[in-house]
Amino acid sequence: MEKLFELFKGNSSSYIKSTVNGELDDRGKRITSYTTVHEPVTTKQWQEHLDGKIRIGFKPEEEGQCMWGCIDVDPSSYKNYSQKKYVDIIKNYKLPLVAVKSKSGGLHIFVFFTEWADVEKVSDKLKKINDKYFLAQEIFPCNKALNMPYQNMNSSMETEIILANKKFFTVIFLYFLKK
């Protein structure tokens, strides 16, 4: 869990808690409510998130720098949506991205850095990648919080990381952390 905490470094002054009420909007996306908690996220909240007790998220930005970014794929309709085409793009073009199912059933396509990177440069580069390959509506960093993956990791669809190989398959986050 400490590795996950380290991997998703971001805004240290606050985080969000979100609640999914089970209802779907017109597109088939889960309706969610959000509350901002004005204190740093701790390993305790991360563990509660992983255990399914709470759902957390936060901004990747910290003083104009970030350690990760994300292309947030929310399709116009979830009814016939498949992540496979996005995963195939990542594989076929050898993009340095990791695709993870989101709480809504969409896709969070992450990029991670070994050092803090300039938010504007990261945002610009992700916008270019998005415009060329994915056409998603939202890119992080964008001064908004993003729900973290692996909420309720033992039973949730969010425990899945989508990888493209000869077959379309998923693995749990422990594999992801070894990479």
Foldseek 3Di string as FASTA:
>chain_A
DVLLCVQQDADFQKKKWKDFPPDADPQQFTDMDIDIDGHGDDVVVVVCQLQQNIWIWFAQHDPQWGFKKKQWADDSHPPPDDCVQVQVVCVVVVPQWWWFQAPRRTIIIMHGHPDIDGQVVVQVVVVVVCVVRPVGDDMPPPVDIDIDFNGNVVDDSSQWIWHDDVDTDTDGCVVVSVD
